[in-house]
Amino acid sequence: MERYRLSRTQGNTCYIEEALDVHHLNHVAKKQPGDKVVACDEKTSMIIEITACHQRHIEGKHQGFSPRRSGWSRTLFGLAKIESKAYQALHVQLMAMGADLIIPLTSDQTRVFDNEASLENEVESALSLTRLPLSSLRKTHILVLGRHPQSTPIHDALKLTRAGDDLLVLVGPESGWSSTEMKRFEEAKSVCFVSLGDRVFRADTAALLSMGAIHAYRQSEVLG
């Protein structure tokens, strides 16, 4: 199901107001009242049933959260704070590409993974602070982007996943993970260090490339 930018909600009514999305829905996809699409914002993605198509916006009714798609139960991204004007846009782009939830990895400029709690507990605590009602983590593959002697290409790591597993991708700050964080990743379960090749990318670019690789792999599995 196609995904579009959720601009705002008012009660149970959802609005898509991005000019390109409105044009695509009206003139390319030619959606009509009664059709369903997935709309996403920085926090989550939801199914909406279109109730009215206008020249400058699309109205719809919230029908529930986006269903499980083929491959993983959830595709989650953990992002360190990126100091750029494109940070909010990055959230929207990742959601539009198929991410189910974006988890901030910093709190009051303190790194989440530098304290004494286990990595699994910290991730679950971060999930509990979001608005999306999520059950406890099931079988979760944690992919950590960063330089490490055991790093493997991300497409090789994806081959180890199975349908029904959650996938969490952790993207660190542009300065890299701290030595404490790297040590704790090594000690945690279900963690795989992954790379995007020899080139070093900006944090926001690395996140988008990772989601692109995940999307391409998921489609290859669906198409057989």
N, C-alpha and C. Protein backbone atom coordinates (compact mmCIF):
# COMPACT_ATOMS: atom_id res chain seq x y z
N MET A 1 0.85 -1.19 0.00
CA MET A 1 0.00 0.00 0.00
C MET A 1 0.89 1.24 0.00
N GLU A 2 0.56 2.23 -0.84
CA GLU A 2 1.38 3.43 -0.97
C GLU A 2 1.34 4.27 0.30
N ARG A 3 2.45 4.98 0.57
CA ARG A 3 2.55 5.81 1.77
C ARG A 3 2.66 7.28 1.40
N TYR A 4 2.01 8.12 2.22
CA TYR A 4 2.02 9.56 1.98
C TYR A 4 2.26 10.29 3.29
N ARG A 5 2.61 11.57 3.17
CA ARG A 5 2.92 12.39 4.34
C ARG A 5 1.64 12.82 5.04
N LEU A 6 1.51 12.46 6.32
CA LEU A 6 0.38 12.90 7.13
C LEU A 6 0.68 14.30 7.66
N SER A 7 -0.08 15.29 7.22
CA SER A 7 0.19 16.68 7.60
C SER A 7 -0.34 17.01 8.99
N ARG A 8 -1.58 16.60 9.28
CA ARG A 8 -2.18 16.89 10.59
C ARG A 8 -3.42 16.04 10.78
N THR A 9 -3.88 16.00 12.02
CA THR A 9 -5.12 15.29 12.35
C THR A 9 -6.01 16.21 13.17
N GLN A 10 -7.31 16.01 13.05
CA GLN A 10 -8.29 16.75 13.84
C GLN A 10 -9.37 15.76 14.22
N GLY A 11 -9.30 15.29 15.48
CA GLY A 11 -10.19 14.21 15.88
C GLY A 11 -9.81 12.94 15.13
N ASN A 12 -10.79 12.35 14.46
CA ASN A 12 -10.54 11.13 13.69
C ASN A 12 -10.27 11.44 12.22
N THR A 13 -10.21 12.73 11.88
CA THR A 13 -9.99 13.14 10.49
C THR A 13 -8.52 13.41 10.25
N CYS A 14 -7.99 12.85 9.17
CA CYS A 14 -6.58 13.01 8.82
C CYS A 14 -6.48 13.84 7.54
N TYR A 15 -5.42 14.65 7.45
CA TYR A 15 -5.24 15.52 6.30
C TYR A 15 -3.88 15.28 5.66
N ILE A 16 -3.88 15.11 4.34
CA ILE A 16 -2.65 15.06 3.54
C ILE A 16 -2.62 16.35 2.74
N GLU A 17 -1.59 17.19 3.00
CA GLU A 17 -1.57 18.52 2.41
C GLU A 17 -0.31 18.82 1.61
N GLU A 18 0.67 17.90 1.63
CA GLU A 18 1.87 18.12 0.84
C GLU A 18 1.49 18.18 -0.64
N ALA A 19 1.94 19.24 -1.34
CA ALA A 19 1.51 19.47 -2.72
C ALA A 19 1.79 18.28 -3.63
N LEU A 20 3.00 17.69 -3.53
CA LEU A 20 3.34 16.57 -4.40
C LEU A 20 2.47 15.35 -4.11
N ASP A 21 2.19 15.10 -2.82
CA ASP A 21 1.35 13.96 -2.47
C ASP A 21 -0.08 14.16 -2.96
N VAL A 22 -0.60 15.38 -2.78
CA VAL A 22 -1.97 15.67 -3.22
C VAL A 22 -2.08 15.51 -4.74
N HIS A 23 -1.08 16.03 -5.46
CA HIS A 23 -1.08 15.89 -6.92
C HIS A 23 -1.04 14.42 -7.33
N HIS A 24 -0.18 13.64 -6.66
CA HIS A 24 -0.05 12.22 -7.00
C HIS A 24 -1.35 11.47 -6.73
N LEU A 25 -1.97 11.74 -5.59
CA LEU A 25 -3.22 11.06 -5.26
C LEU A 25 -4.34 11.42 -6.22
N ASN A 26 -4.42 12.70 -6.60
CA ASN A 26 -5.51 13.15 -7.47
C ASN A 26 -5.31 12.80 -8.94
N HIS A 27 -4.07 12.96 -9.44
CA HIS A 27 -3.86 12.89 -10.88
C HIS A 27 -3.05 11.69 -11.37
N VAL A 28 -2.30 11.05 -10.47
CA VAL A 28 -1.50 9.89 -10.87
C VAL A 28 -2.16 8.61 -10.37
N ALA A 29 -2.30 8.49 -9.05
CA ALA A 29 -2.96 7.31 -8.49
C ALA A 29 -4.47 7.36 -8.71
N LYS A 30 -5.00 8.59 -8.90
CA LYS A 30 -6.44 8.80 -9.15
C LYS A 30 -7.30 8.13 -8.09
N LYS A 31 -6.96 8.41 -6.83
CA LYS A 31 -7.71 7.85 -5.72
C LYS A 31 -9.07 8.52 -5.59
N GLN A 32 -10.02 7.76 -5.07
CA GLN A 32 -11.38 8.23 -4.90
C GLN A 32 -11.81 8.00 -3.46
N PRO A 33 -12.86 8.71 -2.99
CA PRO A 33 -13.39 8.44 -1.66
C PRO A 33 -13.71 6.96 -1.50
N GLY A 34 -13.28 6.41 -0.38
CA GLY A 34 -13.46 4.98 -0.13
C GLY A 34 -12.17 4.20 -0.30
N ASP A 35 -11.21 4.75 -1.07
CA ASP A 35 -9.91 4.10 -1.22
C ASP A 35 -9.10 4.27 0.06
N LYS A 36 -8.20 3.34 0.31
CA LYS A 36 -7.37 3.40 1.52
C LYS A 36 -5.90 3.57 1.15
N VAL A 37 -5.21 4.39 1.94
CA VAL A 37 -3.77 4.60 1.78
C VAL A 37 -3.14 4.62 3.16
N VAL A 38 -1.81 4.57 3.20
CA VAL A 38 -1.08 4.68 4.45
C VAL A 38 -0.48 6.08 4.53
N ALA A 39 -0.74 6.77 5.63
CA ALA A 39 -0.18 8.11 5.85
C ALA A 39 0.77 8.04 7.04
N CYS A 40 1.89 8.74 6.96
CA CYS A 40 2.88 8.66 8.02
C CYS A 40 3.37 10.04 8.42
N ASP A 41 3.73 10.16 9.70
CA ASP A 41 4.37 11.37 10.19
C ASP A 41 5.65 10.96 10.90
N GLU A 42 6.21 11.83 11.77
CA GLU A 42 7.48 11.53 12.42
C GLU A 42 7.38 10.39 13.42
N LYS A 43 6.17 10.08 13.88
CA LYS A 43 6.01 9.09 14.95
C LYS A 43 5.55 7.72 14.47
N THR A 44 4.61 7.69 13.56
CA THR A 44 4.02 6.40 13.21
C THR A 44 3.39 6.44 11.83
N SER A 45 2.83 5.33 11.41
CA SER A 45 2.12 5.24 10.14
C SER A 45 0.75 4.63 10.39
N MET A 46 -0.26 5.12 9.69
CA MET A 46 -1.62 4.65 9.91
C MET A 46 -2.36 4.51 8.60
N ILE A 47 -3.39 3.69 8.62
CA ILE A 47 -4.25 3.51 7.45
C ILE A 47 -5.36 4.55 7.52
N ILE A 48 -5.60 5.25 6.41
CA ILE A 48 -6.73 6.17 6.37
C ILE A 48 -7.59 5.83 5.16
N GLU A 49 -8.89 5.97 5.33
CA GLU A 49 -9.84 5.81 4.23
C GLU A 49 -10.20 7.19 3.72
N ILE A 50 -9.94 7.43 2.45
CA ILE A 50 -10.18 8.75 1.86
C ILE A 50 -11.68 9.06 1.87
N THR A 51 -12.00 10.27 2.36
CA THR A 51 -13.40 10.70 2.38
C THR A 51 -13.66 11.85 1.40
N ALA A 52 -12.61 12.61 1.06
CA ALA A 52 -12.79 13.73 0.13
C ALA A 52 -11.45 14.07 -0.52
N CYS A 53 -11.49 14.35 -1.82
CA CYS A 53 -10.30 14.74 -2.57
C CYS A 53 -10.46 16.18 -3.05
N HIS A 54 -9.64 17.07 -2.53
CA HIS A 54 -9.70 18.48 -2.90
C HIS A 54 -8.45 18.85 -3.68
N GLN A 55 -8.45 20.03 -4.26
CA GLN A 55 -7.33 20.47 -5.07
C GLN A 55 -6.06 20.64 -4.24
N ARG A 56 -6.22 21.07 -2.98
CA ARG A 56 -5.05 21.37 -2.16
C ARG A 56 -4.87 20.43 -0.98
N HIS A 57 -5.80 19.53 -0.75
CA HIS A 57 -5.61 18.57 0.34
C HIS A 57 -6.53 17.37 0.16
N ILE A 58 -6.17 16.30 0.85
CA ILE A 58 -6.96 15.07 0.87
C ILE A 58 -7.41 14.82 2.30
N GLU A 59 -8.68 14.50 2.48
CA GLU A 59 -9.20 14.19 3.80
C GLU A 59 -9.48 12.69 3.91
N GLY A 60 -9.31 12.17 5.12
CA GLY A 60 -9.59 10.76 5.33
C GLY A 60 -9.87 10.46 6.79
N LYS A 61 -10.39 9.27 7.06
CA LYS A 61 -10.68 8.83 8.41
C LYS A 61 -9.66 7.79 8.85
N HIS A 62 -9.20 7.94 10.09
CA HIS A 62 -8.23 7.00 10.66
C HIS A 62 -8.87 5.62 10.80
N GLN A 63 -8.24 4.61 10.19
CA GLN A 63 -8.78 3.24 10.22
C GLN A 63 -7.90 2.29 11.03
N GLY A 64 -6.88 2.80 11.70
CA GLY A 64 -5.99 1.93 12.46
C GLY A 64 -4.56 2.11 12.02
N PHE A 65 -3.64 1.46 12.75
CA PHE A 65 -2.23 1.57 12.43
C PHE A 65 -1.88 0.67 11.26
N SER A 66 -0.78 0.99 10.59
CA SER A 66 -0.35 0.24 9.42
C SER A 66 -0.14 -1.22 9.78
N PRO A 67 -0.65 -2.14 8.96
CA PRO A 67 -0.54 -3.57 9.27
C PRO A 67 0.87 -4.09 9.06
N ARG A 68 1.12 -5.29 9.55
CA ARG A 68 2.41 -5.93 9.31
C ARG A 68 2.58 -6.16 7.82
N ARG A 69 3.78 -5.90 7.35
CA ARG A 69 4.07 -6.14 5.94
C ARG A 69 4.92 -7.40 5.84
N SER A 70 5.12 -7.87 4.63
CA SER A 70 5.94 -9.06 4.44
C SER A 70 7.34 -8.80 4.97
N GLY A 71 7.99 -9.84 5.47
CA GLY A 71 9.33 -9.68 6.01
C GLY A 71 9.27 -9.57 7.52
N TRP A 72 9.62 -8.41 8.06
CA TRP A 72 9.70 -8.25 9.50
C TRP A 72 8.41 -7.72 10.08
N SER A 73 8.16 -8.04 11.35
CA SER A 73 6.97 -7.50 12.02
C SER A 73 7.05 -5.99 12.07
N ARG A 74 8.22 -5.47 12.44
CA ARG A 74 8.41 -4.02 12.50
C ARG A 74 9.81 -3.69 12.01
N THR A 75 9.93 -2.57 11.33
CA THR A 75 11.23 -2.04 10.96
C THR A 75 11.41 -0.76 11.74
N LEU A 76 12.33 -0.77 12.70
CA LEU A 76 12.53 0.35 13.61
C LEU A 76 13.89 0.99 13.35
N PHE A 77 13.96 2.30 13.53
CA PHE A 77 15.22 3.02 13.39
C PHE A 77 15.52 3.77 14.68
N GLY A 78 16.74 3.60 15.18
CA GLY A 78 17.21 4.38 16.31
C GLY A 78 18.20 5.40 15.78
N LEU A 79 17.89 6.68 15.94
CA LEU A 79 18.72 7.75 15.38
C LEU A 79 19.28 8.64 16.48
N ALA A 80 20.59 8.85 16.44
CA ALA A 80 21.19 9.87 17.29
C ALA A 80 20.75 11.22 16.75
N LYS A 81 20.75 12.23 17.61
CA LYS A 81 20.31 13.56 17.17
C LYS A 81 21.24 14.09 16.10
N ILE A 82 20.67 14.44 14.97
CA ILE A 82 21.44 14.96 13.85
C ILE A 82 21.27 16.48 13.83
N GLU A 83 22.36 17.19 14.00
CA GLU A 83 22.28 18.65 14.06
C GLU A 83 22.20 19.23 12.65
N SER A 84 21.02 19.18 12.08
CA SER A 84 20.82 19.77 10.76
C SER A 84 19.35 20.12 10.60
N LYS A 85 19.09 21.04 9.68
CA LYS A 85 17.71 21.46 9.44
C LYS A 85 16.90 20.34 8.80
N ALA A 86 17.59 19.33 8.29
CA ALA A 86 16.90 18.24 7.59
C ALA A 86 16.48 17.12 8.52
N TYR A 87 16.64 17.30 9.85
CA TYR A 87 16.37 16.21 10.78
C TYR A 87 14.91 15.75 10.71
N GLN A 88 13.97 16.69 10.76
CA GLN A 88 12.56 16.32 10.69
C GLN A 88 12.23 15.70 9.34
N ALA A 89 12.82 16.24 8.28
CA ALA A 89 12.58 15.68 6.95
C ALA A 89 13.08 14.25 6.87
N LEU A 90 14.20 13.96 7.56
CA LEU A 90 14.74 12.60 7.57
C LEU A 90 13.75 11.63 8.20
N HIS A 91 13.12 12.04 9.30
CA HIS A 91 12.11 11.21 9.93
C HIS A 91 11.01 10.85 8.93
N VAL A 92 10.51 11.87 8.25
CA VAL A 92 9.41 11.66 7.31
C VAL A 92 9.85 10.75 6.16
N GLN A 93 11.06 10.97 5.66
CA GLN A 93 11.55 10.16 4.54
C GLN A 93 11.68 8.69 4.94
N LEU A 94 12.21 8.43 6.13
CA LEU A 94 12.35 7.05 6.58
C LEU A 94 10.99 6.37 6.74
N MET A 95 10.03 7.10 7.29
CA MET A 95 8.69 6.54 7.45
C MET A 95 8.07 6.26 6.09
N ALA A 96 8.25 7.18 5.14
CA ALA A 96 7.69 7.00 3.81
C ALA A 96 8.32 5.82 3.09
N MET A 97 9.58 5.51 3.41
CA MET A 97 10.28 4.40 2.77
C MET A 97 9.96 3.06 3.42
N GLY A 98 9.24 3.08 4.55
CA GLY A 98 8.84 1.81 5.14
C GLY A 98 9.17 1.61 6.59
N ALA A 99 9.87 2.56 7.23
CA ALA A 99 10.16 2.42 8.66
C ALA A 99 8.87 2.57 9.45
N ASP A 100 8.70 1.77 10.50
CA ASP A 100 7.49 1.81 11.31
C ASP A 100 7.60 2.76 12.49
N LEU A 101 8.81 3.01 12.95
CA LEU A 101 8.99 3.85 14.12
C LEU A 101 10.40 4.40 14.16
N ILE A 102 10.54 5.66 14.57
CA ILE A 102 11.85 6.29 14.74
C ILE A 102 12.05 6.53 16.23
N ILE A 103 13.15 6.00 16.78
CA ILE A 103 13.43 6.12 18.21
C ILE A 103 14.61 7.07 18.40
N PRO A 104 14.44 8.16 19.16
CA PRO A 104 15.58 9.04 19.44
C PRO A 104 16.55 8.36 20.39
N LEU A 105 17.84 8.47 20.10
CA LEU A 105 18.85 7.80 20.92
C LEU A 105 19.54 8.75 21.89
N THR A 106 19.09 9.98 21.98
CA THR A 106 19.69 10.92 22.91
C THR A 106 18.60 11.53 23.78
N SER A 107 18.96 11.87 25.01
CA SER A 107 18.03 12.50 25.93
C SER A 107 18.80 13.54 26.74
N ASP A 108 18.44 14.82 26.59
CA ASP A 108 19.15 15.89 27.27
C ASP A 108 20.64 15.82 26.99
N GLN A 109 20.98 15.52 25.73
CA GLN A 109 22.37 15.46 25.26
C GLN A 109 23.17 14.35 25.94
N THR A 110 22.49 13.39 26.54
CA THR A 110 23.17 12.24 27.15
C THR A 110 22.91 11.02 26.29
N ARG A 111 23.94 10.32 25.94
CA ARG A 111 23.78 9.15 25.09
C ARG A 111 23.05 8.03 25.82
N VAL A 112 22.07 7.47 25.15
CA VAL A 112 21.23 6.45 25.76
C VAL A 112 22.05 5.22 26.15
N PHE A 113 22.98 4.82 25.32
CA PHE A 113 23.66 3.55 25.52
C PHE A 113 24.93 3.66 26.36
N ASP A 114 25.09 4.74 27.11
CA ASP A 114 26.28 4.89 27.94
C ASP A 114 26.03 4.59 29.42
N ASN A 115 24.80 4.18 29.78
CA ASN A 115 24.56 3.90 31.19
C ASN A 115 24.68 2.41 31.48
N GLU A 116 24.30 2.00 32.70
CA GLU A 116 24.57 0.64 33.15
C GLU A 116 23.51 -0.38 32.74
N ALA A 117 22.33 0.08 32.35
CA ALA A 117 21.27 -0.86 31.99
C ALA A 117 21.65 -1.64 30.74
N SER A 118 21.03 -2.80 30.55
CA SER A 118 21.34 -3.61 29.37
C SER A 118 20.81 -2.92 28.12
N LEU A 119 21.43 -3.20 27.00
CA LEU A 119 21.01 -2.61 25.73
C LEU A 119 19.56 -2.95 25.44
N GLU A 120 19.16 -4.21 25.69
CA GLU A 120 17.79 -4.63 25.41
C GLU A 120 16.79 -3.84 26.25
N ASN A 121 17.12 -3.60 27.53
CA ASN A 121 16.22 -2.84 28.40
C ASN A 121 16.11 -1.39 27.95
N GLU A 122 17.22 -0.82 27.50
CA GLU A 122 17.20 0.57 27.06
C GLU A 122 16.36 0.74 25.80
N VAL A 123 16.49 -0.21 24.87
CA VAL A 123 15.69 -0.14 23.65
C VAL A 123 14.21 -0.27 23.99
N GLU A 124 13.88 -1.20 24.88
CA GLU A 124 12.48 -1.39 25.25
C GLU A 124 11.94 -0.16 25.97
N SER A 125 12.78 0.49 26.80
CA SER A 125 12.35 1.71 27.49
C SER A 125 12.09 2.83 26.49
N ALA A 126 12.96 2.92 25.47
CA ALA A 126 12.76 3.94 24.44
C ALA A 126 11.45 3.71 23.70
N LEU A 127 11.13 2.45 23.43
CA LEU A 127 9.88 2.12 22.75
C LEU A 127 8.67 2.50 23.60
N SER A 128 8.78 2.31 24.92
CA SER A 128 7.65 2.57 25.80
C SER A 128 7.31 4.05 25.88
N LEU A 129 8.25 4.93 25.51
CA LEU A 129 8.02 6.36 25.57
C LEU A 129 7.33 6.90 24.32
N THR A 130 7.18 6.06 23.30
CA THR A 130 6.56 6.51 22.06
C THR A 130 5.04 6.44 22.17
N ARG A 131 4.38 7.09 21.22
CA ARG A 131 2.91 7.10 21.22
C ARG A 131 2.33 5.83 20.62
N LEU A 132 3.11 5.11 19.84
CA LEU A 132 2.59 3.92 19.18
C LEU A 132 2.52 2.76 20.16
N PRO A 133 1.36 2.13 20.35
CA PRO A 133 1.25 1.02 21.30
C PRO A 133 1.94 -0.23 20.77
N LEU A 134 3.11 -0.51 21.31
CA LEU A 134 3.89 -1.65 20.85
C LEU A 134 4.00 -2.68 21.97
N SER A 135 3.93 -3.95 21.60
CA SER A 135 4.13 -5.01 22.58
C SER A 135 5.61 -5.12 22.88
N SER A 136 5.97 -5.95 23.84
CA SER A 136 7.38 -6.15 24.16
C SER A 136 8.11 -6.66 22.94
N LEU A 137 9.40 -6.36 22.88
CA LEU A 137 10.19 -6.80 21.74
C LEU A 137 10.15 -8.31 21.60
N ARG A 138 9.91 -8.76 20.38
CA ARG A 138 9.97 -10.19 20.10
C ARG A 138 11.40 -10.50 19.64
N LYS A 139 11.55 -11.48 18.78
CA LYS A 139 12.85 -11.78 18.21
C LYS A 139 13.31 -10.56 17.43
N THR A 140 14.38 -9.93 17.87
CA THR A 140 14.82 -8.67 17.28
C THR A 140 16.25 -8.77 16.78
N HIS A 141 16.45 -8.39 15.53
CA HIS A 141 17.80 -8.28 14.98
C HIS A 141 18.20 -6.81 15.09
N ILE A 142 19.28 -6.54 15.81
CA ILE A 142 19.77 -5.18 15.98
C ILE A 142 20.98 -4.98 15.07
N LEU A 143 20.85 -4.10 14.11
CA LEU A 143 21.93 -3.79 13.18
C LEU A 143 22.55 -2.46 13.58
N VAL A 144 23.83 -2.48 13.91
CA VAL A 144 24.53 -1.27 14.34
C VAL A 144 25.43 -0.78 13.21
N LEU A 145 25.14 0.41 12.71
CA LEU A 145 25.97 1.00 11.67
C LEU A 145 27.19 1.66 12.32
N GLY A 146 28.36 1.27 11.88
CA GLY A 146 29.57 1.87 12.44
C GLY A 146 30.79 1.04 12.12
N ARG A 147 31.95 1.66 12.22
CA ARG A 147 33.20 0.96 11.93
C ARG A 147 33.50 -0.04 13.05
N HIS A 148 33.73 -1.27 12.66
CA HIS A 148 34.04 -2.33 13.62
C HIS A 148 34.73 -3.46 12.86
N PRO A 149 35.71 -4.14 13.49
CA PRO A 149 36.42 -5.22 12.79
C PRO A 149 35.49 -6.32 12.29
N GLN A 150 34.33 -6.50 12.95
CA GLN A 150 33.42 -7.56 12.57
C GLN A 150 32.26 -7.07 11.69
N SER A 151 32.36 -5.86 11.17
CA SER A 151 31.28 -5.33 10.34
C SER A 151 31.10 -6.16 9.08
N THR A 152 29.84 -6.36 8.71
CA THR A 152 29.50 -7.12 7.51
C THR A 152 28.62 -6.25 6.63
N PRO A 153 28.65 -6.41 5.32
CA PRO A 153 27.75 -5.63 4.45
C PRO A 153 26.30 -5.82 4.88
N ILE A 154 25.53 -4.74 4.84
CA ILE A 154 24.17 -4.80 5.37
C ILE A 154 23.31 -5.82 4.64
N HIS A 155 23.53 -6.01 3.33
CA HIS A 155 22.69 -6.97 2.61
C HIS A 155 22.98 -8.40 3.06
N ASP A 156 24.22 -8.68 3.53
CA ASP A 156 24.53 -10.01 4.06
C ASP A 156 23.85 -10.22 5.41
N ALA A 157 23.81 -9.16 6.23
CA ALA A 157 23.16 -9.26 7.54
C ALA A 157 21.66 -9.49 7.39
N LEU A 158 21.06 -8.88 6.38
CA LEU A 158 19.62 -9.03 6.18
C LEU A 158 19.23 -10.46 5.82
N LYS A 159 20.15 -11.20 5.25
CA LYS A 159 19.86 -12.59 4.88
C LYS A 159 19.67 -13.48 6.11
N LEU A 160 20.11 -13.01 7.28
CA LEU A 160 19.97 -13.78 8.51
C LEU A 160 18.61 -13.57 9.17
N THR A 161 17.81 -12.64 8.65
CA THR A 161 16.51 -12.36 9.24
C THR A 161 15.45 -13.29 8.68
N ARG A 162 14.36 -13.43 9.45
CA ARG A 162 13.24 -14.26 9.02
C ARG A 162 11.94 -13.51 9.21
N ALA A 163 10.91 -13.93 8.49
CA ALA A 163 9.59 -13.31 8.64
C ALA A 163 9.14 -13.42 10.08
N GLY A 164 8.58 -12.35 10.62
CA GLY A 164 8.12 -12.33 12.00
C GLY A 164 9.11 -11.72 12.96
N ASP A 165 10.36 -11.52 12.52
CA ASP A 165 11.36 -10.89 13.37
C ASP A 165 11.25 -9.37 13.28
N ASP A 166 11.54 -8.70 14.39
CA ASP A 166 11.66 -7.25 14.38
C ASP A 166 13.06 -6.90 13.90
N LEU A 167 13.18 -5.76 13.25
CA LEU A 167 14.47 -5.29 12.77
C LEU A 167 14.69 -3.88 13.30
N LEU A 168 15.78 -3.68 14.03
CA LEU A 168 16.11 -2.38 14.59
C LEU A 168 17.48 -1.96 14.07
N VAL A 169 17.54 -0.81 13.40
CA VAL A 169 18.78 -0.28 12.86
C VAL A 169 19.21 0.91 13.72
N LEU A 170 20.41 0.86 14.27
CA LEU A 170 20.93 1.94 15.11
C LEU A 170 21.95 2.75 14.32
N VAL A 171 21.68 4.03 14.16
CA VAL A 171 22.57 4.93 13.43
C VAL A 171 23.13 5.95 14.41
N GLY A 172 24.43 5.93 14.60
CA GLY A 172 25.06 6.80 15.59
C GLY A 172 25.31 8.20 15.08
N PRO A 173 25.86 9.04 15.95
CA PRO A 173 26.19 10.42 15.55
C PRO A 173 27.33 10.42 14.54
N GLU A 174 27.52 11.54 13.86
CA GLU A 174 28.55 11.61 12.83
C GLU A 174 29.95 11.48 13.42
N SER A 175 30.09 11.74 14.72
CA SER A 175 31.38 11.58 15.38
C SER A 175 31.68 10.12 15.72
N GLY A 176 30.68 9.25 15.53
CA GLY A 176 30.86 7.83 15.79
C GLY A 176 30.39 7.43 17.17
N TRP A 177 30.23 6.12 17.38
CA TRP A 177 29.85 5.59 18.68
C TRP A 177 31.01 5.73 19.65
N SER A 178 30.70 5.90 20.93
CA SER A 178 31.76 5.97 21.94
C SER A 178 32.32 4.57 22.19
N SER A 179 33.50 4.49 22.79
CA SER A 179 34.11 3.19 23.08
C SER A 179 33.24 2.39 24.04
N THR A 180 32.58 3.09 24.98
CA THR A 180 31.68 2.41 25.93
C THR A 180 30.50 1.80 25.19
N GLU A 181 29.93 2.55 24.27
CA GLU A 181 28.80 2.05 23.50
C GLU A 181 29.20 0.85 22.66
N MET A 182 30.34 0.93 22.01
CA MET A 182 30.79 -0.18 21.17
C MET A 182 31.00 -1.45 22.00
N LYS A 183 31.53 -1.29 23.20
CA LYS A 183 31.74 -2.44 24.07
C LYS A 183 30.42 -3.07 24.46
N ARG A 184 29.43 -2.23 24.76
CA ARG A 184 28.14 -2.75 25.17
C ARG A 184 27.39 -3.39 24.02
N PHE A 185 27.59 -2.88 22.81
CA PHE A 185 27.01 -3.54 21.64
C PHE A 185 27.59 -4.94 21.48
N GLU A 186 28.89 -5.06 21.71
CA GLU A 186 29.56 -6.36 21.57
C GLU A 186 29.03 -7.37 22.57
N GLU A 187 28.61 -6.88 23.74
CA GLU A 187 28.13 -7.77 24.80
C GLU A 187 26.65 -8.12 24.65
N ALA A 188 25.91 -7.34 23.87
CA ALA A 188 24.46 -7.53 23.76
C ALA A 188 24.13 -8.70 22.83
N LYS A 189 22.91 -9.20 22.98
CA LYS A 189 22.43 -10.30 22.14
C LYS A 189 21.83 -9.75 20.85
N SER A 190 21.87 -10.58 19.82
CA SER A 190 21.21 -10.27 18.54
C SER A 190 21.72 -9.00 17.88
N VAL A 191 22.98 -8.63 18.17
CA VAL A 191 23.57 -7.43 17.56
C VAL A 191 24.52 -7.84 16.44
N CYS A 192 24.39 -7.15 15.32
CA CYS A 192 25.29 -7.38 14.19
C CYS A 192 25.80 -6.03 13.71
N PHE A 193 27.12 -5.89 13.63
CA PHE A 193 27.70 -4.65 13.11
C PHE A 193 27.64 -4.70 11.58
N VAL A 194 27.12 -3.63 10.99
CA VAL A 194 26.95 -3.61 9.54
C VAL A 194 27.61 -2.37 8.95
N SER A 195 27.91 -2.46 7.67
CA SER A 195 28.54 -1.33 6.97
C SER A 195 27.84 -1.11 5.64
N LEU A 196 28.09 0.07 5.08
CA LEU A 196 27.55 0.43 3.77
C LEU A 196 28.68 0.53 2.75
N GLY A 197 29.79 -0.14 3.04
CA GLY A 197 30.94 -0.09 2.15
C GLY A 197 32.07 0.72 2.76
N ASP A 198 33.07 1.02 1.95
CA ASP A 198 34.26 1.71 2.45
C ASP A 198 34.05 3.21 2.66
N ARG A 199 33.09 3.77 1.98
CA ARG A 199 32.90 5.22 2.06
C ARG A 199 32.21 5.61 3.37
N VAL A 200 32.62 6.73 3.95
CA VAL A 200 32.01 7.25 5.17
C VAL A 200 30.93 8.27 4.78
N PHE A 201 29.69 8.03 5.25
CA PHE A 201 28.57 8.90 4.90
C PHE A 201 28.15 9.75 6.10
N ARG A 202 27.46 10.84 5.82
CA ARG A 202 26.81 11.60 6.87
C ARG A 202 25.77 10.70 7.54
N ALA A 203 25.45 11.00 8.79
CA ALA A 203 24.52 10.15 9.54
C ALA A 203 23.16 10.07 8.85
N ASP A 204 22.64 11.21 8.36
CA ASP A 204 21.32 11.17 7.72
C ASP A 204 21.36 10.40 6.41
N THR A 205 22.46 10.54 5.66
CA THR A 205 22.60 9.79 4.41
C THR A 205 22.70 8.30 4.69
N ALA A 206 23.45 7.92 5.72
CA ALA A 206 23.60 6.51 6.09
C ALA A 206 22.25 5.90 6.45
N ALA A 207 21.42 6.65 7.16
CA ALA A 207 20.10 6.14 7.54
C ALA A 207 19.24 5.87 6.32
N LEU A 208 19.25 6.80 5.36
CA LEU A 208 18.45 6.62 4.15
C LEU A 208 18.97 5.47 3.30
N LEU A 209 20.29 5.34 3.19
CA LEU A 209 20.86 4.24 2.42
C LEU A 209 20.51 2.89 3.06
N SER A 210 20.51 2.85 4.38
CA SER A 210 20.16 1.61 5.09
C SER A 210 18.72 1.22 4.82
N MET A 211 17.81 2.21 4.90
CA MET A 211 16.40 1.92 4.65
C MET A 211 16.20 1.51 3.20
N GLY A 212 16.97 2.11 2.29
CA GLY A 212 16.88 1.71 0.89
C GLY A 212 17.30 0.27 0.69
N ALA A 213 18.36 -0.15 1.38
CA ALA A 213 18.82 -1.54 1.29
C ALA A 213 17.78 -2.49 1.86
N ILE A 214 17.16 -2.10 2.97
CA ILE A 214 16.12 -2.93 3.59
C ILE A 214 14.93 -3.07 2.66
N HIS A 215 14.51 -1.95 2.07
CA HIS A 215 13.37 -1.98 1.15
C HIS A 215 13.67 -2.87 -0.06
N ALA A 216 14.87 -2.72 -0.63
CA ALA A 216 15.23 -3.52 -1.80
C ALA A 216 15.26 -5.01 -1.46
N TYR A 217 15.81 -5.35 -0.29
CA TYR A 217 15.87 -6.76 0.11
C TYR A 217 14.47 -7.31 0.34
N ARG A 218 13.62 -6.51 0.99
CA ARG A 218 12.25 -6.95 1.26
C ARG A 218 11.51 -7.23 -0.04
N GLN A 219 11.68 -6.34 -1.02
CA GLN A 219 11.00 -6.53 -2.30
C GLN A 219 11.52 -7.76 -3.03
N SER A 220 12.82 -8.02 -2.93
CA SER A 220 13.38 -9.20 -3.59
C SER A 220 12.82 -10.48 -2.98
N GLU A 221 12.56 -10.45 -1.65
CA GLU A 221 11.98 -11.61 -0.99
C GLU A 221 10.53 -11.81 -1.41
N VAL A 222 9.79 -10.69 -1.53
CA VAL A 222 8.38 -10.78 -1.92
C VAL A 222 8.24 -11.28 -3.35
N LEU A 223 9.12 -10.76 -4.24
CA LEU A 223 9.03 -11.13 -5.65
C LEU A 223 9.65 -12.48 -5.94
N GLY A 224 10.39 -13.01 -4.94
CA GLY A 224 10.96 -14.34 -5.09
C GLY A 224 12.15 -14.39 -5.99
